[in-house]
Amino acid sequence: MNIPLLAGTVSTVLFAASMLPMLLKAVRTKDVASYSLGNIALTNIANAVHSFYVFDLPAGPVWLLHAFYVVASALMLAWCLRYRKTPEARPSEVH
């Protein structure tokens, strides 16, 4: 294995490992209030556009990393839409 391929493989594992705690916490607690829906939606759009570039490259670690990002950001978007709490009316606003 050459050095660039080894570096790509190691960085892919490290980047994926760095995102796992966020994903696990979100799925375990269903608390997504601290995540920006706009940022997660924009991330999904960027991943879709970036896919045209990544999947034109030769198969390698970057494909795995990008696929992981696509799945992780899609999950976070789905969870944000599903678990986000709607603002509740204050008692003084109820008629």
PDB file of N, CA and C in Angstrom:
ATOM      1  N   MET A   1       0.858  -1.175   0.000  1.00  0.00           N
ATOM      2  CA  MET A   1       0.000   0.000   0.000  1.00  0.00           C
ATOM      3  C   MET A   1       0.899   1.233   0.000  1.00  0.00           C
ATOM      4  N   ASN A   2       0.616   2.169  -0.894  1.00  0.00           N
ATOM      5  CA  ASN A   2       1.439   3.378  -0.957  1.00  0.00           C
ATOM      6  C   ASN A   2       1.001   4.391   0.113  1.00  0.00           C
ATOM      7  N   ILE A   3       1.855   5.375   0.360  1.00  0.00           N
ATOM      8  CA  ILE A   3       1.637   6.349   1.431  1.00  0.00           C
ATOM      9  C   ILE A   3       0.339   7.153   1.246  1.00  0.00           C
ATOM     10  N   PRO A   4       0.036   7.698   0.058  1.00  0.00           N
ATOM     11  CA  PRO A   4      -1.219   8.449  -0.089  1.00  0.00           C
ATOM     12  C   PRO A   4      -2.466   7.591   0.183  1.00  0.00           C
ATOM     13  N   LEU A   5      -2.454   6.351  -0.261  1.00  0.00           N
ATOM     14  CA  LEU A   5      -3.599   5.480  -0.021  1.00  0.00           C
ATOM     15  C   LEU A   5      -3.733   5.161   1.469  1.00  0.00           C
ATOM     16  N   LEU A   6      -2.612   4.924   2.126  1.00  0.00           N
ATOM     17  CA  LEU A   6      -2.623   4.672   3.566  1.00  0.00           C
ATOM     18  C   LEU A   6      -3.138   5.910   4.317  1.00  0.00           C
ATOM     19  N   ALA A   7      -2.651   7.089   3.939  1.00  0.00           N
ATOM     20  CA  ALA A   7      -3.103   8.330   4.577  1.00  0.00           C
ATOM     21  C   ALA A   7      -4.602   8.536   4.360  1.00  0.00           C
ATOM     22  N   GLY A   8      -5.076   8.268   3.169  1.00  0.00           N
ATOM     23  CA  GLY A   8      -6.506   8.402   2.880  1.00  0.00           C
ATOM     24  C   GLY A   8      -7.346   7.438   3.691  1.00  0.00           C
ATOM     25  N   THR A   9      -6.853   6.232   3.848  1.00  0.00           N
ATOM     26  CA  THR A   9      -7.572   5.226   4.631  1.00  0.00           C
ATOM     27  C   THR A   9      -7.626   5.620   6.106  1.00  0.00           C
ATOM     28  N   VAL A  10      -6.491   6.034   6.651  1.00  0.00           N
ATOM     29  CA  VAL A  10      -6.444   6.430   8.063  1.00  0.00           C
ATOM     30  C   VAL A  10      -7.322   7.652   8.309  1.00  0.00           C
ATOM     31  N   SER A  11      -7.240   8.655   7.432  1.00  0.00           N
ATOM     32  CA  SER A  11      -8.058   9.859   7.635  1.00  0.00           C
ATOM     33  C   SER A  11      -9.543   9.544   7.509  1.00  0.00           C
ATOM     34  N   THR A  12      -9.918   8.636   6.621  1.00  0.00           N
ATOM     35  CA  THR A  12     -11.315   8.235   6.484  1.00  0.00           C
ATOM     36  C   THR A  12     -11.826   7.639   7.781  1.00  0.00           C
ATOM     37  N   VAL A  13     -11.053   6.746   8.361  1.00  0.00           N
ATOM     38  CA  VAL A  13     -11.444   6.120   9.627  1.00  0.00           C
ATOM     39  C   VAL A  13     -11.545   7.168  10.736  1.00  0.00           C
ATOM     40  N   LEU A  14     -10.585   8.087  10.797  1.00  0.00           N
ATOM     41  CA  LEU A  14     -10.598   9.115  11.844  1.00  0.00           C
ATOM     42  C   LEU A  14     -11.773  10.075  11.688  1.00  0.00           C
ATOM     43  N   PHE A  15     -12.038  10.533  10.468  1.00  0.00           N
ATOM     44  CA  PHE A  15     -13.177  11.431  10.239  1.00  0.00           C
ATOM     45  C   PHE A  15     -14.493  10.741  10.595  1.00  0.00           C
ATOM     46  N   ALA A  16     -14.646   9.504  10.173  1.00  0.00           N
ATOM     47  CA  ALA A  16     -15.876   8.765  10.495  1.00  0.00           C
ATOM     48  C   ALA A  16     -16.003   8.577  12.002  1.00  0.00           C
ATOM     49  N   ALA A  17     -14.916   8.220  12.660  1.00  0.00           N
ATOM     50  CA  ALA A  17     -14.943   8.029  14.112  1.00  0.00           C
ATOM     51  C   ALA A  17     -15.286   9.326  14.836  1.00  0.00           C
ATOM     52  N   SER A  18     -14.874  10.456  14.287  1.00  0.00           N
ATOM     53  CA  SER A  18     -15.165  11.739  14.945  1.00  0.00           C
ATOM     54  C   SER A  18     -16.644  12.095  14.866  1.00  0.00           C
ATOM     55  N   MET A  19     -17.355  11.570  13.875  1.00  0.00           N
ATOM     56  CA  MET A  19     -18.779  11.876  13.726  1.00  0.00           C
ATOM     57  C   MET A  19     -19.680  10.903  14.480  1.00  0.00           C
ATOM     58  N   LEU A  20     -19.158   9.734  14.792  1.00  0.00           N
ATOM     59  CA  LEU A  20     -19.999   8.718  15.429  1.00  0.00           C
ATOM     60  C   LEU A  20     -20.596   9.164  16.764  1.00  0.00           C
ATOM     61  N   PRO A  21     -19.852   9.832  17.651  1.00  0.00           N
ATOM     62  CA  PRO A  21     -20.477  10.250  18.914  1.00  0.00           C
ATOM     63  C   PRO A  21     -21.687  11.164  18.704  1.00  0.00           C
ATOM     64  N   MET A  22     -21.625  12.083  17.736  1.00  0.00           N
ATOM     65  CA  MET A  22     -22.749  12.962  17.443  1.00  0.00           C
ATOM     66  C   MET A  22     -23.956  12.148  16.982  1.00  0.00           C
ATOM     67  N   LEU A  23     -23.709  11.217  16.082  1.00  0.00           N
ATOM     68  CA  LEU A  23     -24.806  10.394  15.568  1.00  0.00           C
ATOM     69  C   LEU A  23     -25.415   9.522  16.660  1.00  0.00           C
ATOM     70  N   LEU A  24     -24.558   8.912  17.456  1.00  0.00           N
ATOM     71  CA  LEU A  24     -25.049   8.034  18.520  1.00  0.00           C
ATOM     72  C   LEU A  24     -25.840   8.818  19.564  1.00  0.00           C
ATOM     73  N   LYS A  25     -25.367  10.003  19.916  1.00  0.00           N
ATOM     74  CA  LYS A  25     -26.082  10.828  20.885  1.00  0.00           C
ATOM     75  C   LYS A  25     -27.444  11.249  20.330  1.00  0.00           C
ATOM     76  N   ALA A  26     -27.483  11.638  19.077  1.00  0.00           N
ATOM     77  CA  ALA A  26     -28.738  12.077  18.464  1.00  0.00           C
ATOM     78  C   ALA A  26     -29.752  10.939  18.409  1.00  0.00           C
ATOM     79  N   VAL A  27     -29.308   9.752  18.055  1.00  0.00           N
ATOM     80  CA  VAL A  27     -30.250   8.627  17.952  1.00  0.00           C
ATOM     81  C   VAL A  27     -30.656   8.136  19.338  1.00  0.00           C
ATOM     82  N   ARG A  28     -29.748   8.203  20.298  1.00  0.00           N
ATOM     83  CA  ARG A  28     -30.035   7.722  21.654  1.00  0.00           C
ATOM     84  C   ARG A  28     -30.964   8.673  22.404  1.00  0.00           C
ATOM     85  N   THR A  29     -30.692   9.969  22.340  1.00  0.00           N
ATOM     86  CA  THR A  29     -31.453  10.932  23.139  1.00  0.00           C
ATOM     87  C   THR A  29     -32.602  11.584  22.379  1.00  0.00           C
ATOM     88  N   LYS A  30     -32.550  11.539  21.079  1.00  0.00           N
ATOM     89  CA  LYS A  30     -33.515  12.233  20.217  1.00  0.00           C
ATOM     90  C   LYS A  30     -33.542  13.733  20.494  1.00  0.00           C
ATOM     91  N   ASP A  31     -32.460  14.246  21.075  1.00  0.00           N
ATOM     92  CA  ASP A  31     -32.329  15.666  21.360  1.00  0.00           C
ATOM     93  C   ASP A  31     -31.487  16.298  20.257  1.00  0.00           C
ATOM     94  N   VAL A  32     -32.150  16.970  19.341  1.00  0.00           N
ATOM     95  CA  VAL A  32     -31.461  17.592  18.209  1.00  0.00           C
ATOM     96  C   VAL A  32     -31.593  19.112  18.238  1.00  0.00           C
ATOM     97  N   ALA A  33     -31.995  19.633  19.387  1.00  0.00           N
ATOM     98  CA  ALA A  33     -32.227  21.070  19.507  1.00  0.00           C
ATOM     99  C   ALA A  33     -30.961  21.890  19.258  1.00  0.00           C
ATOM    100  N   SER A  34     -29.809  21.313  19.553  1.00  0.00           N
ATOM    101  CA  SER A  34     -28.565  22.073  19.398  1.00  0.00           C
ATOM    102  C   SER A  34     -28.033  22.054  17.963  1.00  0.00           C
ATOM    103  N   TYR A  35     -28.680  21.335  17.073  1.00  0.00           N
ATOM    104  CA  TYR A  35     -28.232  21.271  15.685  1.00  0.00           C
ATOM    105  C   TYR A  35     -29.049  22.227  14.827  1.00  0.00           C
ATOM    106  N   SER A  36     -28.387  22.927  13.951  1.00  0.00           N
ATOM    107  CA  SER A  36     -29.039  23.874  13.065  1.00  0.00           C
ATOM    108  C   SER A  36     -29.646  23.142  11.873  1.00  0.00           C
ATOM    109  N   LEU A  37     -30.960  23.230  11.744  1.00  0.00           N
ATOM    110  CA  LEU A  37     -31.639  22.587  10.620  1.00  0.00           C
ATOM    111  C   LEU A  37     -31.151  23.150   9.294  1.00  0.00           C
ATOM    112  N   GLY A  38     -30.925  24.464   9.240  1.00  0.00           N
ATOM    113  CA  GLY A  38     -30.425  25.085   8.012  1.00  0.00           C
ATOM    114  C   GLY A  38     -29.056  24.571   7.624  1.00  0.00           C
ATOM    115  N   ASN A  39     -28.178  24.421   8.625  1.00  0.00           N
ATOM    116  CA  ASN A  39     -26.833  23.906   8.358  1.00  0.00           C
ATOM    117  C   ASN A  39     -26.886  22.467   7.877  1.00  0.00           C
ATOM    118  N   ILE A  40     -27.703  21.658   8.499  1.00  0.00           N
ATOM    119  CA  ILE A  40     -27.796  20.249   8.094  1.00  0.00           C
ATOM    120  C   ILE A  40     -28.415  20.126   6.707  1.00  0.00           C
ATOM    121  N   ALA A  41     -29.413  20.948   6.403  1.00  0.00           N
ATOM    122  CA  ALA A  41     -30.008  20.925   5.063  1.00  0.00           C
ATOM    123  C   ALA A  41     -28.978  21.352   4.018  1.00  0.00           C
ATOM    124  N   LEU A  42     -28.222  22.399   4.317  1.00  0.00           N
ATOM    125  CA  LEU A  42     -27.183  22.866   3.390  1.00  0.00           C
ATOM    126  C   LEU A  42     -26.095  21.813   3.201  1.00  0.00           C
ATOM    127  N   THR A  43     -25.751  21.115   4.267  1.00  0.00           N
ATOM    128  CA  THR A  43     -24.765  20.033   4.176  1.00  0.00           C
ATOM    129  C   THR A  43     -25.247  18.939   3.231  1.00  0.00           C
ATOM    130  N   ASN A  44     -26.521  18.606   3.297  1.00  0.00           N
ATOM    131  CA  ASN A  44     -27.069  17.583   2.399  1.00  0.00           C
ATOM    132  C   ASN A  44     -27.038  18.032   0.950  1.00  0.00           C
ATOM    133  N   ILE A  45     -27.342  19.296   0.708  1.00  0.00           N
ATOM    134  CA  ILE A  45     -27.268  19.822  -0.659  1.00  0.00           C
ATOM    135  C   ILE A  45     -25.831  19.791  -1.159  1.00  0.00           C
ATOM    136  N   ALA A  46     -24.900  20.222  -0.299  1.00  0.00           N
ATOM    137  CA  ALA A  46     -23.479  20.213  -0.680  1.00  0.00           C
ATOM    138  C   ALA A  46     -22.998  18.797  -0.961  1.00  0.00           C
ATOM    139  N   ASN A  47     -23.410  17.839  -0.145  1.00  0.00           N
ATOM    140  CA  ASN A  47     -23.021  16.445  -0.378  1.00  0.00           C
ATOM    141  C   ASN A  47     -23.549  15.934  -1.712  1.00  0.00           C
ATOM    142  N   ALA A  48     -24.773  16.308  -2.055  1.00  0.00           N
ATOM    143  CA  ALA A  48     -25.346  15.876  -3.336  1.00  0.00           C
ATOM    144  C   ALA A  48     -24.535  16.425  -4.507  1.00  0.00           C
ATOM    145  N   VAL A  49     -24.186  17.697  -4.437  1.00  0.00           N
ATOM    146  CA  VAL A  49     -23.393  18.316  -5.511  1.00  0.00           C
ATOM    147  C   VAL A  49     -21.984  17.732  -5.540  1.00  0.00           C
ATOM    148  N   HIS A  50     -21.384  17.573  -4.355  1.00  0.00           N
ATOM    149  CA  HIS A  50     -20.013  17.054  -4.258  1.00  0.00           C
ATOM    150  C   HIS A  50     -19.924  15.610  -4.768  1.00  0.00           C
ATOM    151  N   SER A  51     -21.029  14.884  -4.717  1.00  0.00           N
ATOM    152  CA  SER A  51     -21.044  13.497  -5.204  1.00  0.00           C
ATOM    153  C   SER A  51     -20.652  13.405  -6.673  1.00  0.00           C
ATOM    154  N   PHE A  52     -21.023  14.415  -7.474  1.00  0.00           N
ATOM    155  CA  PHE A  52     -20.641  14.397  -8.889  1.00  0.00           C
ATOM    156  C   PHE A  52     -19.122  14.388  -9.045  1.00  0.00           C
ATOM    157  N   TYR A  53     -18.438  15.102  -8.165  1.00  0.00           N
ATOM    158  CA  TYR A  53     -16.976  15.137  -8.194  1.00  0.00           C
ATOM    159  C   TYR A  53     -16.380  13.852  -7.639  1.00  0.00           C
ATOM    160  N   VAL A  54     -16.814  13.464  -6.461  1.00  0.00           N
ATOM    161  CA  VAL A  54     -16.206  12.315  -5.772  1.00  0.00           C
ATOM    162  C   VAL A  54     -16.357  11.040  -6.589  1.00  0.00           C
ATOM    163  N   PHE A  55     -17.544  10.777  -7.084  1.00  0.00           N
ATOM    164  CA  PHE A  55     -17.763   9.512  -7.779  1.00  0.00           C
ATOM    165  C   PHE A  55     -17.217   9.508  -9.208  1.00  0.00           C
ATOM    166  N   ASP A  56     -16.629  10.624  -9.622  1.00  0.00           N
ATOM    167  CA  ASP A  56     -15.899  10.655 -10.877  1.00  0.00           C
ATOM    168  C   ASP A  56     -14.427  10.280 -10.650  1.00  0.00           C
ATOM    169  N   LEU A  57     -13.998  10.284  -9.393  1.00  0.00           N
ATOM    170  CA  LEU A  57     -12.632   9.894  -9.043  1.00  0.00           C
ATOM    171  C   LEU A  57     -12.516   8.374  -9.036  1.00  0.00           C
ATOM    172  N   PRO A  58     -11.291   7.852  -9.143  1.00  0.00           N
ATOM    173  CA  PRO A  58     -11.128   6.404  -9.009  1.00  0.00           C
ATOM    174  C   PRO A  58     -11.592   5.948  -7.629  1.00  0.00           C
ATOM    175  N   ALA A  59     -12.138   4.757  -7.561  1.00  0.00           N
ATOM    176  CA  ALA A  59     -12.618   4.215  -6.285  1.00  0.00           C
ATOM    177  C   ALA A  59     -11.472   4.195  -5.277  1.00  0.00           C
ATOM    178  N   GLY A  60     -11.786   4.547  -4.066  1.00  0.00           N
ATOM    179  CA  GLY A  60     -10.767   4.580  -3.020  1.00  0.00           C
ATOM    180  C   GLY A  60     -11.371   5.052  -1.715  1.00  0.00           C
ATOM    181  N   PRO A  61     -10.523   5.385  -0.747  1.00  0.00           N
ATOM    182  CA  PRO A  61     -11.013   5.806   0.570  1.00  0.00           C
ATOM    183  C   PRO A  61     -11.932   7.028   0.515  1.00  0.00           C
ATOM    184  N   VAL A  62     -11.707   7.920  -0.437  1.00  0.00           N
ATOM    185  CA  VAL A  62     -12.546   9.113  -0.513  1.00  0.00           C
ATOM    186  C   VAL A  62     -14.002   8.740  -0.815  1.00  0.00           C
ATOM    187  N   TRP A  63     -14.214   7.668  -1.552  1.00  0.00           N
ATOM    188  CA  TRP A  63     -15.569   7.203  -1.812  1.00  0.00           C
ATOM    189  C   TRP A  63     -16.234   6.770  -0.510  1.00  0.00           C
ATOM    190  N   LEU A  64     -15.500   6.023   0.307  1.00  0.00           N
ATOM    191  CA  LEU A  64     -16.051   5.556   1.579  1.00  0.00           C
ATOM    192  C   LEU A  64     -16.357   6.730   2.504  1.00  0.00           C
ATOM    193  N   LEU A  65     -15.424   7.663   2.576  1.00  0.00           N
ATOM    194  CA  LEU A  65     -15.627   8.822   3.434  1.00  0.00           C
ATOM    195  C   LEU A  65     -16.833   9.629   2.971  1.00  0.00           C
ATOM    196  N   HIS A  66     -16.922   9.880   1.687  1.00  0.00           N
ATOM    197  CA  HIS A  66     -18.043  10.662   1.176  1.00  0.00           C
ATOM    198  C   HIS A  66     -19.363   9.918   1.386  1.00  0.00           C
ATOM    199  N   ALA A  67     -19.365   8.627   1.139  1.00  0.00           N
ATOM    200  CA  ALA A  67     -20.585   7.840   1.362  1.00  0.00           C
ATOM    201  C   ALA A  67     -21.010   7.913   2.829  1.00  0.00           C
ATOM    202  N   PHE A  68     -20.034   7.856   3.730  1.00  0.00           N
ATOM    203  CA  PHE A  68     -20.342   7.977   5.151  1.00  0.00           C
ATOM    204  C   PHE A  68     -20.938   9.349   5.448  1.00  0.00           C
ATOM    205  N   TYR A  69     -20.353  10.407   4.910  1.00  0.00           N
ATOM    206  CA  TYR A  69     -20.879  11.758   5.115  1.00  0.00           C
ATOM    207  C   TYR A  69     -22.299  11.894   4.567  1.00  0.00           C
ATOM    208  N   VAL A  70     -22.545  11.320   3.403  1.00  0.00           N
ATOM    209  CA  VAL A  70     -23.880  11.385   2.804  1.00  0.00           C
ATOM    210  C   VAL A  70     -24.899  10.710   3.720  1.00  0.00           C
ATOM    211  N   VAL A  71     -24.577   9.520   4.188  1.00  0.00           N
ATOM    212  CA  VAL A  71     -25.502   8.788   5.059  1.00  0.00           C
ATOM    213  C   VAL A  71     -25.668   9.512   6.394  1.00  0.00           C
ATOM    214  N   ALA A  72     -24.567   9.956   6.992  1.00  0.00           N
ATOM    215  CA  ALA A  72     -24.631  10.626   8.295  1.00  0.00           C
ATOM    216  C   ALA A  72     -25.439  11.921   8.217  1.00  0.00           C
ATOM    217  N   SER A  73     -25.200  12.725   7.197  1.00  0.00           N
ATOM    218  CA  SER A  73     -25.929  13.993   7.106  1.00  0.00           C
ATOM    219  C   SER A  73     -27.398  13.758   6.755  1.00  0.00           C
ATOM    220  N   ALA A  74     -27.695  12.739   5.968  1.00  0.00           N
ATOM    221  CA  ALA A  74     -29.092  12.409   5.660  1.00  0.00           C
ATOM    222  C   ALA A  74     -29.820  11.931   6.921  1.00  0.00           C
ATOM    223  N   LEU A  75     -29.150  11.122   7.728  1.00  0.00           N
ATOM    224  CA  LEU A  75     -29.745  10.688   8.991  1.00  0.00           C
ATOM    225  C   LEU A  75     -30.008  11.871   9.908  1.00  0.00           C
ATOM    226  N   MET A  76     -29.024  12.773  10.030  1.00  0.00           N
ATOM    227  CA  MET A  76     -29.203  13.932  10.898  1.00  0.00           C
ATOM    228  C   MET A  76     -30.360  14.808  10.407  1.00  0.00           C
ATOM    229  N   LEU A  77     -30.505  14.954   9.105  1.00  0.00           N
ATOM    230  CA  LEU A  77     -31.617  15.735   8.568  1.00  0.00           C
ATOM    231  C   LEU A  77     -32.948  15.060   8.906  1.00  0.00           C
ATOM    232  N   ALA A  78     -33.017  13.762   8.693  1.00  0.00           N
ATOM    233  CA  ALA A  78     -34.247  13.024   9.006  1.00  0.00           C
ATOM    234  C   ALA A  78     -34.579  13.128  10.490  1.00  0.00           C
ATOM    235  N   TRP A  79     -33.574  12.976  11.341  1.00  0.00           N
ATOM    236  CA  TRP A  79     -33.811  13.058  12.783  1.00  0.00           C
ATOM    237  C   TRP A  79     -34.202  14.465  13.203  1.00  0.00           C
ATOM    238  N   CYS A  80     -33.589  15.477  12.598  1.00  0.00           N
ATOM    239  CA  CYS A  80     -33.958  16.856  12.932  1.00  0.00           C
ATOM    240  C   CYS A  80     -35.405  17.136  12.559  1.00  0.00           C
ATOM    241  N   LEU A  81     -35.811  16.652  11.417  1.00  0.00           N
ATOM    242  CA  LEU A  81     -37.194  16.863  10.989  1.00  0.00           C
ATOM    243  C   LEU A  81     -38.168  16.075  11.848  1.00  0.00           C
ATOM    244  N   ARG A  82     -37.757  14.895  12.265  1.00  0.00           N
ATOM    245  CA  ARG A  82     -38.650  14.035  13.044  1.00  0.00           C
ATOM    246  C   ARG A  82     -38.717  14.417  14.518  1.00  0.00           C
ATOM    247  N   TYR A  83     -37.583  14.742  15.117  1.00  0.00           N
ATOM    248  CA  TYR A  83     -37.526  14.920  16.563  1.00  0.00           C
ATOM    249  C   TYR A  83     -37.519  16.376  17.024  1.00  0.00           C
ATOM    250  N   ARG A  84     -37.438  17.313  16.095  1.00  0.00           N
ATOM    251  CA  ARG A  84     -37.401  18.723  16.497  1.00  0.00           C
ATOM    252  C   ARG A  84     -38.722  19.069  17.167  1.00  0.00           C
ATOM    253  N   LYS A  85     -38.605  19.706  18.326  1.00  0.00           N
ATOM    254  CA  LYS A  85     -39.797  20.083  19.075  1.00  0.00           C
ATOM    255  C   LYS A  85     -40.367  21.368  18.499  1.00  0.00           C
ATOM    256  N   THR A  86     -41.669  21.398  18.375  1.00  0.00           N
ATOM    257  CA  THR A  86     -42.319  22.617  17.914  1.00  0.00           C
ATOM    258  C   THR A  86     -42.474  23.555  19.108  1.00  0.00           C
ATOM    259  N   PRO A  87     -42.373  24.846  18.862  1.00  0.00           N
ATOM    260  CA  PRO A  87     -42.523  25.794  19.966  1.00  0.00           C
ATOM    261  C   PRO A  87     -43.919  25.665  20.579  1.00  0.00           C
ATOM    262  N   GLU A  88     -43.967  25.572  21.895  1.00  0.00           N
ATOM    263  CA  GLU A  88     -45.252  25.460  22.576  1.00  0.00           C
ATOM    264  C   GLU A  88     -45.734  26.844  22.958  1.00  0.00           C
ATOM    265  N   ALA A  89     -47.050  27.020  22.910  1.00  0.00           N
ATOM    266  CA  ALA A  89     -47.630  28.301  23.280  1.00  0.00           C
ATOM    267  C   ALA A  89     -47.485  28.503  24.789  1.00  0.00           C
ATOM    268  N   ARG A  90     -47.164  29.715  25.173  1.00  0.00           N
ATOM    269  CA  ARG A  90     -47.091  30.043  26.590  1.00  0.00           C
ATOM    270  C   ARG A  90     -48.524  30.157  27.112  1.00  0.00           C
ATOM    271  N   PRO A  91     -48.742  29.889  28.391  1.00  0.00           N
ATOM    272  CA  PRO A  91     -50.100  29.948  28.945  1.00  0.00           C
ATOM    273  C   PRO A  91     -50.791  31.290  28.702  1.00  0.00           C
ATOM    274  N   SER A  92     -50.062  32.395  28.676  1.00  0.00           N
ATOM    275  CA  SER A  92     -50.677  33.698  28.458  1.00  0.00           C
ATOM    276  C   SER A  92     -51.159  33.877  27.025  1.00  0.00           C
ATOM    277  N   GLU A  93     -50.688  33.043  26.103  1.00  0.00           N
ATOM    278  CA  GLU A  93     -51.060  33.153  24.699  1.00  0.00           C
ATOM    279  C   GLU A  93     -52.265  32.291  24.354  1.00  0.00           C
ATOM    280  N   VAL A  94     -52.683  31.421  25.256  1.00  0.00           N
ATOM    281  CA  VAL A  94     -53.806  30.535  24.996  1.00  0.00           C
ATOM    282  C   VAL A  94     -55.094  31.305  25.245  1.00  0.00           C
ATOM    283  N   HIS A  95     -56.024  31.234  24.304  1.00  0.00           N
ATOM    284  CA  HIS A  95     -57.275  31.987  24.432  1.00  0.00           C
ATOM    285  C   HIS A  95     -58.407  31.064  24.790  1.00  0.00           C
TER     286      HIS A  95
END
